[in-house]
Amino acid sequence: MNTKDAIKARRAIKEFNSQHVMTEAEEKELLSLAMLSPTAFNLQHWRFVVVKDPELRAKIRAVSWDQTQVTDSSLLVIICADTRAWEKDPAQYWVNAPEEVRQGVVPAIDAFYRGHEQAQRDEALRSCGIAAQTLMLAATDMGYDSCPMDGFDFDKVAELIKLPSDHLIALFVAIGKGTQEAFPRSGQLKLENVVINNHF
């Protein structure tokens, strides 16, 4: 499937075949593709919590408006943002770059983020959003359906997955074999309503 077809085909599917099991190779491929997503300063802020324990999934579903995709999808990924990735050995993100690049970029990371908590949070969440879209498009290309989710109690899910204090939950992505067709698109805005030339 080419990229344009994947973008057009991707829809949020709510009902999944609970009996379908994704292979380990498919799971690894999906997550590896998501890891090719761009991030500011190459910080790779995303952390993918793959929830496989059925009991834990049931508990997460209970605080997610009882949405069936939490338990019935083949893969439930909780995409989390490491807001402090910028100070955790930042040189590791540039280990393969030329020395002169490393010497310029690594200090710039500290200068950009230190003391700027809003930037730390915003950049990490932006990176997670991009990774989520990459994950969903890759799933579409591989013949899977997906559903991005933010309909859950963030604090309770954080407790259930033992989220570190310097991390945030961005969203869930449920992936599997859908058992229903997507509803018709409910109302797309016209291009002229969303594209602004030069200024408002």
N, C-alpha and C. Protein backbone atom coordinates (compact mmCIF):
# COMPACT_ATOMS: atom_id res chain seq x y z
N MET A 1 0.85 -1.19 0.00
CA MET A 1 0.00 0.00 0.00
C MET A 1 0.89 1.24 0.00
N ASN A 2 0.61 2.19 -0.89
CA ASN A 2 1.42 3.39 -0.87
C ASN A 2 0.94 4.33 0.23
N THR A 3 1.73 5.34 0.51
CA THR A 3 1.45 6.20 1.66
C THR A 3 0.11 6.91 1.54
N LYS A 4 -0.22 7.41 0.35
CA LYS A 4 -1.49 8.11 0.18
C LYS A 4 -2.68 7.19 0.42
N ASP A 5 -2.57 5.96 -0.06
CA ASP A 5 -3.66 5.01 0.17
C ASP A 5 -3.81 4.67 1.65
N ALA A 6 -2.68 4.54 2.36
CA ALA A 6 -2.74 4.24 3.79
C ALA A 6 -3.39 5.38 4.56
N ILE A 7 -3.08 6.61 4.19
CA ILE A 7 -3.69 7.78 4.86
C ILE A 7 -5.20 7.78 4.64
N LYS A 8 -5.62 7.48 3.40
CA LYS A 8 -7.05 7.48 3.10
C LYS A 8 -7.78 6.30 3.75
N ALA A 9 -7.10 5.16 3.87
CA ALA A 9 -7.73 3.95 4.39
C ALA A 9 -7.79 3.92 5.92
N ARG A 10 -6.87 4.63 6.58
CA ARG A 10 -6.85 4.57 8.04
C ARG A 10 -8.09 5.22 8.64
N ARG A 11 -8.80 4.46 9.46
CA ARG A 11 -9.97 4.96 10.16
C ARG A 11 -9.93 4.44 11.59
N ALA A 12 -10.61 5.12 12.49
CA ALA A 12 -10.68 4.66 13.87
C ALA A 12 -11.74 3.55 13.97
N ILE A 13 -11.29 2.34 14.28
CA ILE A 13 -12.18 1.19 14.40
C ILE A 13 -12.33 0.85 15.87
N LYS A 14 -13.57 0.63 16.30
CA LYS A 14 -13.84 0.41 17.72
C LYS A 14 -14.01 -1.06 18.10
N GLU A 15 -14.38 -1.89 17.13
CA GLU A 15 -14.66 -3.30 17.43
C GLU A 15 -13.60 -4.18 16.78
N PHE A 16 -12.98 -5.04 17.58
CA PHE A 16 -11.90 -5.89 17.10
C PHE A 16 -12.19 -7.37 17.35
N ASN A 17 -11.58 -8.21 16.53
CA ASN A 17 -11.65 -9.65 16.72
C ASN A 17 -10.75 -10.01 17.91
N SER A 18 -11.37 -10.36 19.02
CA SER A 18 -10.60 -10.63 20.24
C SER A 18 -9.80 -11.92 20.15
N GLN A 19 -10.07 -12.75 19.14
CA GLN A 19 -9.36 -14.03 19.02
C GLN A 19 -8.10 -13.92 18.16
N HIS A 20 -7.97 -12.81 17.45
CA HIS A 20 -6.81 -12.69 16.56
C HIS A 20 -5.54 -12.38 17.37
N VAL A 21 -4.49 -13.12 17.09
CA VAL A 21 -3.21 -12.92 17.78
C VAL A 21 -2.20 -12.40 16.76
N MET A 22 -1.62 -11.28 17.07
CA MET A 22 -0.58 -10.71 16.22
C MET A 22 0.72 -11.47 16.47
N THR A 23 1.48 -11.74 15.42
CA THR A 23 2.73 -12.47 15.61
C THR A 23 3.77 -11.54 16.26
N GLU A 24 4.75 -12.16 16.86
CA GLU A 24 5.83 -11.39 17.49
C GLU A 24 6.57 -10.57 16.44
N ALA A 25 6.73 -11.15 15.24
CA ALA A 25 7.42 -10.43 14.17
C ALA A 25 6.62 -9.21 13.73
N GLU A 26 5.30 -9.33 13.63
CA GLU A 26 4.45 -8.20 13.25
C GLU A 26 4.53 -7.09 14.30
N GLU A 27 4.45 -7.50 15.56
CA GLU A 27 4.54 -6.52 16.65
C GLU A 27 5.87 -5.78 16.61
N LYS A 28 6.93 -6.52 16.44
CA LYS A 28 8.26 -5.90 16.40
C LYS A 28 8.38 -4.95 15.21
N GLU A 29 7.83 -5.36 14.06
CA GLU A 29 7.90 -4.51 12.88
C GLU A 29 7.13 -3.21 13.09
N LEU A 30 5.93 -3.30 13.65
CA LEU A 30 5.12 -2.11 13.89
C LEU A 30 5.83 -1.13 14.81
N LEU A 31 6.35 -1.63 15.92
CA LEU A 31 6.99 -0.75 16.89
C LEU A 31 8.31 -0.19 16.35
N SER A 32 9.01 -0.99 15.56
CA SER A 32 10.26 -0.51 14.95
C SER A 32 9.98 0.60 13.95
N LEU A 33 8.89 0.48 13.20
CA LEU A 33 8.51 1.54 12.26
C LEU A 33 8.13 2.81 13.01
N ALA A 34 7.41 2.66 14.11
CA ALA A 34 7.03 3.84 14.91
C ALA A 34 8.26 4.56 15.42
N MET A 35 9.31 3.80 15.69
CA MET A 35 10.54 4.40 16.22
C MET A 35 11.32 5.19 15.17
N LEU A 36 10.88 5.13 13.93
CA LEU A 36 11.51 5.95 12.89
C LEU A 36 10.88 7.34 12.81
N SER A 37 9.91 7.60 13.67
CA SER A 37 9.24 8.90 13.68
C SER A 37 10.21 10.00 14.09
N PRO A 38 10.03 11.20 13.56
CA PRO A 38 10.93 12.30 13.92
C PRO A 38 10.65 12.83 15.32
N THR A 39 11.69 13.30 15.97
CA THR A 39 11.56 13.96 17.27
C THR A 39 12.52 15.14 17.34
N ALA A 40 12.18 16.14 18.14
CA ALA A 40 13.05 17.29 18.32
C ALA A 40 14.38 16.84 18.91
N PHE A 41 15.46 17.32 18.32
CA PHE A 41 16.82 16.98 18.78
C PHE A 41 17.07 15.47 18.79
N ASN A 42 16.25 14.71 18.08
CA ASN A 42 16.36 13.25 18.05
C ASN A 42 16.25 12.63 19.44
N LEU A 43 15.46 13.24 20.32
CA LEU A 43 15.39 12.77 21.71
C LEU A 43 14.55 11.51 21.89
N GLN A 44 13.74 11.16 20.90
CA GLN A 44 12.98 9.91 20.96
C GLN A 44 12.25 9.78 22.30
N HIS A 45 11.45 10.79 22.60
CA HIS A 45 10.77 10.88 23.89
C HIS A 45 9.79 9.76 24.15
N TRP A 46 9.32 9.07 23.10
CA TRP A 46 8.25 8.11 23.27
C TRP A 46 8.72 6.85 23.99
N ARG A 47 7.79 6.32 24.79
CA ARG A 47 7.96 5.02 25.43
C ARG A 47 6.66 4.27 25.17
N PHE A 48 6.77 3.06 24.62
CA PHE A 48 5.60 2.29 24.23
C PHE A 48 5.32 1.20 25.26
N VAL A 49 4.30 1.38 26.06
CA VAL A 49 3.91 0.36 27.03
C VAL A 49 2.93 -0.57 26.33
N VAL A 50 3.40 -1.78 26.02
CA VAL A 50 2.57 -2.78 25.35
C VAL A 50 1.92 -3.64 26.43
N VAL A 51 0.60 -3.54 26.53
CA VAL A 51 -0.12 -4.22 27.61
C VAL A 51 -0.62 -5.57 27.10
N LYS A 52 -0.05 -6.64 27.64
CA LYS A 52 -0.42 -7.99 27.21
C LYS A 52 -1.16 -8.77 28.28
N ASP A 53 -0.98 -8.42 29.53
CA ASP A 53 -1.61 -9.13 30.63
C ASP A 53 -3.13 -8.92 30.58
N PRO A 54 -3.91 -9.99 30.37
CA PRO A 54 -5.37 -9.83 30.27
C PRO A 54 -6.01 -9.19 31.51
N GLU A 55 -5.49 -9.50 32.67
CA GLU A 55 -6.04 -8.92 33.89
C GLU A 55 -5.80 -7.42 33.95
N LEU A 56 -4.60 -7.00 33.55
CA LEU A 56 -4.29 -5.58 33.53
C LEU A 56 -5.13 -4.87 32.47
N ARG A 57 -5.31 -5.50 31.32
CA ARG A 57 -6.15 -4.91 30.29
C ARG A 57 -7.57 -4.70 30.80
N ALA A 58 -8.09 -5.67 31.53
CA ALA A 58 -9.44 -5.55 32.07
C ALA A 58 -9.53 -4.38 33.05
N LYS A 59 -8.51 -4.19 33.85
CA LYS A 59 -8.50 -3.08 34.79
C LYS A 59 -8.43 -1.74 34.04
N ILE A 60 -7.64 -1.71 32.97
CA ILE A 60 -7.54 -0.48 32.18
C ILE A 60 -8.87 -0.19 31.49
N ARG A 61 -9.51 -1.24 30.98
CA ARG A 61 -10.82 -1.06 30.34
C ARG A 61 -11.83 -0.47 31.33
N ALA A 62 -11.76 -0.90 32.58
CA ALA A 62 -12.71 -0.43 33.59
C ALA A 62 -12.59 1.07 33.84
N VAL A 63 -11.41 1.65 33.56
CA VAL A 63 -11.23 3.10 33.75
C VAL A 63 -11.13 3.81 32.40
N SER A 64 -11.60 3.12 31.36
CA SER A 64 -11.58 3.66 29.99
C SER A 64 -12.99 3.61 29.39
N TRP A 65 -13.97 3.96 30.21
CA TRP A 65 -15.37 4.01 29.77
C TRP A 65 -15.84 2.67 29.23
N ASP A 66 -15.22 1.58 29.70
CA ASP A 66 -15.58 0.22 29.30
C ASP A 66 -15.50 0.03 27.78
N GLN A 67 -14.55 0.68 27.15
CA GLN A 67 -14.41 0.56 25.70
C GLN A 67 -13.79 -0.80 25.34
N THR A 68 -14.45 -1.52 24.45
CA THR A 68 -14.07 -2.90 24.16
C THR A 68 -12.71 -3.03 23.49
N GLN A 69 -12.29 -1.99 22.77
CA GLN A 69 -11.01 -2.13 22.06
C GLN A 69 -9.83 -2.28 23.01
N VAL A 70 -10.00 -1.87 24.26
CA VAL A 70 -8.91 -2.01 25.24
C VAL A 70 -8.58 -3.48 25.48
N THR A 71 -9.60 -4.32 25.54
CA THR A 71 -9.36 -5.74 25.80
C THR A 71 -9.38 -6.60 24.54
N ASP A 72 -10.07 -6.14 23.48
CA ASP A 72 -10.27 -7.00 22.32
C ASP A 72 -9.25 -6.81 21.21
N SER A 73 -8.52 -5.72 21.20
CA SER A 73 -7.52 -5.51 20.16
C SER A 73 -6.36 -6.49 20.34
N SER A 74 -5.67 -6.76 19.24
CA SER A 74 -4.51 -7.66 19.31
C SER A 74 -3.35 -7.01 20.04
N LEU A 75 -3.25 -5.69 19.92
CA LEU A 75 -2.13 -4.96 20.51
C LEU A 75 -2.66 -3.68 21.14
N LEU A 76 -2.41 -3.49 22.41
CA LEU A 76 -2.76 -2.24 23.07
C LEU A 76 -1.46 -1.55 23.46
N VAL A 77 -1.24 -0.39 22.86
CA VAL A 77 -0.01 0.37 23.12
C VAL A 77 -0.38 1.66 23.84
N ILE A 78 0.18 1.84 25.02
CA ILE A 78 0.02 3.10 25.74
C ILE A 78 1.28 3.92 25.43
N ILE A 79 1.09 4.99 24.67
CA ILE A 79 2.22 5.81 24.27
C ILE A 79 2.47 6.86 25.34
N CYS A 80 3.64 6.78 25.94
CA CYS A 80 4.00 7.68 27.04
C CYS A 80 5.15 8.59 26.61
N ALA A 81 5.22 9.73 27.25
CA ALA A 81 6.23 10.74 26.92
C ALA A 81 7.21 10.88 28.09
N ASP A 82 8.48 10.69 27.79
CA ASP A 82 9.52 10.92 28.79
C ASP A 82 9.90 12.40 28.72
N THR A 83 9.39 13.18 29.66
CA THR A 83 9.61 14.63 29.62
C THR A 83 11.03 15.03 29.99
N ARG A 84 11.80 14.09 30.51
CA ARG A 84 13.17 14.40 30.92
C ARG A 84 14.20 13.71 30.02
N ALA A 85 13.77 13.24 28.87
CA ALA A 85 14.71 12.58 27.96
C ALA A 85 15.88 13.49 27.61
N TRP A 86 15.63 14.78 27.60
CA TRP A 86 16.65 15.75 27.20
C TRP A 86 17.88 15.74 28.11
N GLU A 87 17.72 15.31 29.37
CA GLU A 87 18.86 15.34 30.29
C GLU A 87 19.38 13.95 30.64
N LYS A 88 18.85 12.92 30.00
CA LYS A 88 19.28 11.56 30.28
C LYS A 88 20.32 11.13 29.25
N ASP A 89 21.55 11.50 29.50
CA ASP A 89 22.67 11.19 28.61
C ASP A 89 22.35 11.62 27.18
N PRO A 90 22.16 12.92 26.94
CA PRO A 90 21.76 13.37 25.61
C PRO A 90 22.74 13.03 24.49
N ALA A 91 23.98 12.75 24.84
CA ALA A 91 24.96 12.39 23.80
C ALA A 91 24.59 11.08 23.11
N GLN A 92 23.82 10.22 23.79
CA GLN A 92 23.47 8.93 23.20
C GLN A 92 22.63 9.08 21.93
N TYR A 93 21.90 10.20 21.83
CA TYR A 93 21.04 10.40 20.66
C TYR A 93 21.82 10.84 19.43
N TRP A 94 23.09 11.17 19.64
CA TRP A 94 23.93 11.69 18.55
C TRP A 94 25.23 10.91 18.42
N VAL A 95 25.23 9.68 18.89
CA VAL A 95 26.44 8.87 18.93
C VAL A 95 27.01 8.60 17.55
N ASN A 96 26.16 8.58 16.52
CA ASN A 96 26.64 8.28 15.17
C ASN A 96 26.89 9.53 14.33
N ALA A 97 26.71 10.68 14.92
CA ALA A 97 26.92 11.93 14.19
C ALA A 97 28.40 12.29 14.18
N PRO A 98 28.83 13.10 13.20
CA PRO A 98 30.22 13.57 13.22
C PRO A 98 30.52 14.34 14.51
N GLU A 99 31.75 14.30 14.93
CA GLU A 99 32.16 14.91 16.20
C GLU A 99 31.77 16.38 16.27
N GLU A 100 31.97 17.12 15.17
CA GLU A 100 31.65 18.55 15.22
C GLU A 100 30.16 18.79 15.39
N VAL A 101 29.33 17.87 14.87
CA VAL A 101 27.88 17.98 15.06
C VAL A 101 27.52 17.72 16.51
N ARG A 102 28.08 16.65 17.07
CA ARG A 102 27.82 16.32 18.48
C ARG A 102 28.19 17.49 19.39
N GLN A 103 29.34 18.09 19.14
CA GLN A 103 29.81 19.18 20.00
C GLN A 103 28.88 20.39 19.94
N GLY A 104 28.18 20.56 18.83
CA GLY A 104 27.25 21.67 18.72
C GLY A 104 25.88 21.36 19.25
N VAL A 105 25.38 20.16 18.95
CA VAL A 105 23.99 19.82 19.27
C VAL A 105 23.80 19.48 20.74
N VAL A 106 24.67 18.67 21.31
CA VAL A 106 24.45 18.20 22.68
C VAL A 106 24.34 19.36 23.68
N PRO A 107 25.23 20.36 23.65
CA PRO A 107 25.03 21.49 24.56
C PRO A 107 23.75 22.28 24.24
N ALA A 108 23.37 22.31 22.97
CA ALA A 108 22.16 23.04 22.58
C ALA A 108 20.91 22.41 23.18
N ILE A 109 20.93 21.09 23.35
CA ILE A 109 19.79 20.40 23.96
C ILE A 109 19.57 20.93 25.38
N ASP A 110 20.63 20.98 26.15
CA ASP A 110 20.52 21.46 27.52
C ASP A 110 20.06 22.91 27.56
N ALA A 111 20.62 23.72 26.70
CA ALA A 111 20.27 25.14 26.68
C ALA A 111 18.80 25.35 26.31
N PHE A 112 18.29 24.50 25.43
CA PHE A 112 16.91 24.66 24.97
C PHE A 112 15.90 24.25 26.03
N TYR A 113 16.18 23.17 26.77
CA TYR A 113 15.18 22.60 27.67
C TYR A 113 15.34 22.99 29.14
N ARG A 114 16.56 23.20 29.61
CA ARG A 114 16.74 23.43 31.04
C ARG A 114 15.99 24.69 31.49
N GLY A 115 15.16 24.51 32.50
CA GLY A 115 14.38 25.62 33.03
C GLY A 115 13.14 25.96 32.21
N HIS A 116 12.88 25.17 31.17
CA HIS A 116 11.72 25.42 30.30
C HIS A 116 10.78 24.20 30.36
N GLU A 117 10.06 24.09 31.46
CA GLU A 117 9.22 22.91 31.68
C GLU A 117 8.13 22.77 30.62
N GLN A 118 7.59 23.89 30.17
CA GLN A 118 6.54 23.80 29.15
C GLN A 118 7.09 23.22 27.85
N ALA A 119 8.29 23.62 27.47
CA ALA A 119 8.92 23.08 26.27
C ALA A 119 9.21 21.59 26.43
N GLN A 120 9.66 21.20 27.62
CA GLN A 120 9.93 19.79 27.88
C GLN A 120 8.67 18.96 27.66
N ARG A 121 7.56 19.44 28.21
CA ARG A 121 6.28 18.73 28.09
C ARG A 121 5.76 18.74 26.66
N ASP A 122 5.76 19.93 26.06
CA ASP A 122 5.18 20.07 24.73
C ASP A 122 5.91 19.24 23.69
N GLU A 123 7.24 19.29 23.71
CA GLU A 123 8.01 18.56 22.71
C GLU A 123 7.82 17.06 22.87
N ALA A 124 7.78 16.59 24.10
CA ALA A 124 7.60 15.15 24.34
C ALA A 124 6.24 14.69 23.84
N LEU A 125 5.20 15.46 24.11
CA LEU A 125 3.86 15.08 23.65
C LEU A 125 3.73 15.18 22.14
N ARG A 126 4.36 16.20 21.55
CA ARG A 126 4.34 16.29 20.08
C ARG A 126 4.98 15.06 19.46
N SER A 127 6.09 14.64 20.02
CA SER A 127 6.78 13.46 19.49
C SER A 127 5.89 12.22 19.59
N CYS A 128 5.16 12.09 20.68
CA CYS A 128 4.27 10.95 20.84
C CYS A 128 3.14 10.97 19.82
N GLY A 129 2.62 12.15 19.53
CA GLY A 129 1.56 12.25 18.53
C GLY A 129 2.04 11.82 17.16
N ILE A 130 3.25 12.23 16.80
CA ILE A 130 3.80 11.84 15.50
C ILE A 130 4.02 10.32 15.47
N ALA A 131 4.52 9.77 16.56
CA ALA A 131 4.76 8.32 16.62
C ALA A 131 3.45 7.55 16.52
N ALA A 132 2.41 8.06 17.15
CA ALA A 132 1.10 7.39 17.09
C ALA A 132 0.59 7.33 15.65
N GLN A 133 0.73 8.44 14.93
CA GLN A 133 0.28 8.43 13.54
C GLN A 133 1.11 7.47 12.69
N THR A 134 2.41 7.44 12.91
CA THR A 134 3.26 6.50 12.19
C THR A 134 2.82 5.06 12.47
N LEU A 135 2.54 4.78 13.75
CA LEU A 135 2.12 3.44 14.15
C LEU A 135 0.82 3.04 13.46
N MET A 136 -0.13 3.96 13.40
CA MET A 136 -1.42 3.66 12.78
C MET A 136 -1.30 3.48 11.27
N LEU A 137 -0.49 4.30 10.63
CA LEU A 137 -0.31 4.15 9.18
C LEU A 137 0.43 2.85 8.86
N ALA A 138 1.41 2.49 9.68
CA ALA A 138 2.11 1.22 9.48
C ALA A 138 1.15 0.05 9.66
N ALA A 139 0.27 0.14 10.67
CA ALA A 139 -0.72 -0.91 10.89
C ALA A 139 -1.63 -1.05 9.68
N THR A 140 -2.07 0.07 9.13
CA THR A 140 -2.92 0.04 7.94
C THR A 140 -2.22 -0.66 6.79
N ASP A 141 -0.96 -0.31 6.58
CA ASP A 141 -0.18 -0.92 5.51
C ASP A 141 -0.05 -2.43 5.70
N MET A 142 -0.02 -2.89 6.96
CA MET A 142 0.15 -4.30 7.25
C MET A 142 -1.19 -5.05 7.32
N GLY A 143 -2.28 -4.36 6.99
CA GLY A 143 -3.58 -5.02 6.98
C GLY A 143 -4.30 -5.02 8.30
N TYR A 144 -3.87 -4.16 9.22
CA TYR A 144 -4.52 -4.06 10.52
C TYR A 144 -5.32 -2.77 10.63
N ASP A 145 -6.27 -2.80 11.54
CA ASP A 145 -7.05 -1.60 11.87
C ASP A 145 -6.52 -1.04 13.18
N SER A 146 -6.88 0.21 13.46
CA SER A 146 -6.38 0.84 14.68
C SER A 146 -7.37 1.86 15.21
N CYS A 147 -7.14 2.25 16.44
CA CYS A 147 -7.98 3.27 17.06
C CYS A 147 -7.15 4.08 18.05
N PRO A 148 -6.97 5.38 17.80
CA PRO A 148 -6.31 6.22 18.80
C PRO A 148 -7.31 6.52 19.91
N MET A 149 -6.84 6.59 21.15
CA MET A 149 -7.76 6.76 22.28
C MET A 149 -7.23 7.73 23.31
N ASP A 150 -8.10 8.62 23.77
CA ASP A 150 -7.80 9.41 24.96
C ASP A 150 -8.99 9.40 25.92
N GLY A 151 -9.93 8.50 25.69
CA GLY A 151 -11.10 8.38 26.55
C GLY A 151 -10.84 7.43 27.71
N PHE A 152 -10.07 7.91 28.66
CA PHE A 152 -9.74 7.10 29.84
C PHE A 152 -9.31 8.03 30.96
N ASP A 153 -9.27 7.49 32.15
CA ASP A 153 -8.81 8.25 33.32
C ASP A 153 -7.27 8.18 33.35
N PHE A 154 -6.65 9.27 32.97
CA PHE A 154 -5.20 9.29 32.84
C PHE A 154 -4.50 8.95 34.16
N ASP A 155 -4.99 9.50 35.26
CA ASP A 155 -4.35 9.25 36.55
C ASP A 155 -4.45 7.78 36.97
N LYS A 156 -5.62 7.19 36.74
CA LYS A 156 -5.79 5.79 37.14
C LYS A 156 -4.99 4.85 36.26
N VAL A 157 -4.92 5.15 34.96
CA VAL A 157 -4.09 4.32 34.08
C VAL A 157 -2.62 4.47 34.46
N ALA A 158 -2.20 5.69 34.76
CA ALA A 158 -0.82 5.91 35.19
C ALA A 158 -0.48 5.05 36.41
N GLU A 159 -1.42 4.97 37.33
CA GLU A 159 -1.21 4.15 38.52
C GLU A 159 -1.12 2.67 38.15
N LEU A 160 -1.98 2.23 37.26
CA LEU A 160 -2.02 0.82 36.88
C LEU A 160 -0.73 0.38 36.18
N ILE A 161 -0.15 1.26 35.37
CA ILE A 161 1.07 0.87 34.64
C ILE A 161 2.34 1.33 35.36
N LYS A 162 2.17 1.89 36.56
CA LYS A 162 3.30 2.34 37.37
C LYS A 162 4.15 3.36 36.62
N LEU A 163 3.48 4.35 36.07
CA LEU A 163 4.14 5.38 35.26
C LEU A 163 5.15 6.16 36.10
N PRO A 164 6.39 6.31 35.63
CA PRO A 164 7.37 7.12 36.38
C PRO A 164 6.90 8.58 36.48
N SER A 165 7.35 9.26 37.50
CA SER A 165 6.88 10.63 37.76
C SER A 165 7.31 11.62 36.68
N ASP A 166 8.36 11.30 35.92
CA ASP A 166 8.80 12.22 34.88
C ASP A 166 8.25 11.85 33.50
N HIS A 167 7.23 11.00 33.48
CA HIS A 167 6.58 10.60 32.24
C HIS A 167 5.12 11.06 32.24
N LEU A 168 4.57 11.22 31.02
CA LEU A 168 3.16 11.53 30.84
C LEU A 168 2.57 10.51 29.88
N ILE A 169 1.29 10.20 30.07
CA ILE A 169 0.59 9.38 29.08
C ILE A 169 0.07 10.32 27.99
N ALA A 170 0.39 10.01 26.75
CA ALA A 170 -0.09 10.82 25.63
C ALA A 170 -1.42 10.28 25.12
N LEU A 171 -1.46 9.00 24.78
CA LEU A 171 -2.68 8.37 24.26
C LEU A 171 -2.47 6.87 24.17
N PHE A 172 -3.57 6.15 23.92
CA PHE A 172 -3.51 4.73 23.59
C PHE A 172 -3.61 4.61 22.07
N VAL A 173 -3.04 3.52 21.54
CA VAL A 173 -3.37 3.09 20.19
C VAL A 173 -3.69 1.60 20.27
N ALA A 174 -4.93 1.26 19.92
CA ALA A 174 -5.36 -0.14 19.87
C ALA A 174 -5.25 -0.60 18.41
N ILE A 175 -4.69 -1.79 18.21
CA ILE A 175 -4.45 -2.31 16.87
C ILE A 175 -4.92 -3.75 16.79
N GLY A 176 -5.58 -4.09 15.70
CA GLY A 176 -6.04 -5.46 15.52
C GLY A 176 -6.83 -5.61 14.25
N LYS A 177 -7.57 -6.71 14.18
CA LYS A 177 -8.43 -6.99 13.03
C LYS A 177 -9.84 -6.50 13.34
N GLY A 178 -10.24 -5.46 12.66
CA GLY A 178 -11.57 -4.91 12.91
C GLY A 178 -12.67 -5.87 12.50
N THR A 179 -13.78 -5.80 13.20
CA THR A 179 -14.93 -6.66 12.89
C THR A 179 -16.10 -5.86 12.33
N GLN A 180 -15.89 -4.59 12.09
CA GLN A 180 -16.93 -3.76 11.50
C GLN A 180 -16.29 -2.76 10.56
N GLU A 181 -17.05 -2.32 9.59
CA GLU A 181 -16.59 -1.28 8.69
C GLU A 181 -16.64 0.06 9.41
N ALA A 182 -15.75 0.95 9.04
CA ALA A 182 -15.79 2.30 9.60
C ALA A 182 -17.06 3.01 9.13
N PHE A 183 -17.61 3.83 10.01
CA PHE A 183 -18.74 4.65 9.60
C PHE A 183 -18.27 5.65 8.55
N PRO A 184 -19.19 6.13 7.71
CA PRO A 184 -18.78 7.18 6.76
C PRO A 184 -18.19 8.36 7.53
N ARG A 185 -17.25 9.04 6.91
CA ARG A 185 -16.65 10.20 7.57
C ARG A 185 -17.76 11.18 7.95
N SER A 186 -17.73 11.62 9.18
CA SER A 186 -18.89 12.31 9.75
C SER A 186 -19.00 13.78 9.38
N GLY A 187 -18.00 14.35 8.80
CA GLY A 187 -18.10 15.75 8.42
C GLY A 187 -16.74 16.42 8.35
N GLN A 188 -16.07 16.27 7.22
CA GLN A 188 -14.76 16.88 7.06
C GLN A 188 -14.91 18.36 6.70
N LEU A 189 -14.12 19.20 7.33
CA LEU A 189 -14.11 20.61 6.97
C LEU A 189 -13.56 20.78 5.56
N LYS A 190 -13.93 21.85 4.92
CA LYS A 190 -13.41 22.15 3.59
C LYS A 190 -11.99 22.70 3.73
N LEU A 191 -11.19 22.46 2.71
CA LEU A 191 -9.80 22.90 2.72
C LEU A 191 -9.69 24.39 3.02
N GLU A 192 -10.57 25.18 2.43
CA GLU A 192 -10.50 26.63 2.63
C GLU A 192 -10.84 27.06 4.06
N ASN A 193 -11.45 26.16 4.83
CA ASN A 193 -11.77 26.47 6.22
C ASN A 193 -10.60 26.24 7.16
N VAL A 194 -9.59 25.52 6.70
CA VAL A 194 -8.49 25.20 7.60
C VAL A 194 -7.12 25.69 7.13
N VAL A 195 -7.02 26.07 5.86
CA VAL A 195 -5.75 26.55 5.32
C VAL A 195 -5.76 28.08 5.32
N ILE A 196 -4.81 28.65 6.05
CA ILE A 196 -4.71 30.12 6.14
C ILE A 196 -3.42 30.54 5.46
N ASN A 197 -3.52 31.42 4.50
CA ASN A 197 -2.33 31.90 3.80
C ASN A 197 -1.72 33.09 4.54
N ASN A 198 -0.51 32.89 4.97
CA ASN A 198 0.33 33.92 5.57
C ASN A 198 -0.07 34.36 6.97
N HIS A 199 -1.31 34.71 7.21
CA HIS A 199 -1.72 35.13 8.56
C HIS A 199 -3.24 35.06 8.66
N PHE A 200 -3.73 35.05 9.90
CA PHE A 200 -5.18 35.05 10.12
C PHE A 200 -5.75 36.42 9.74
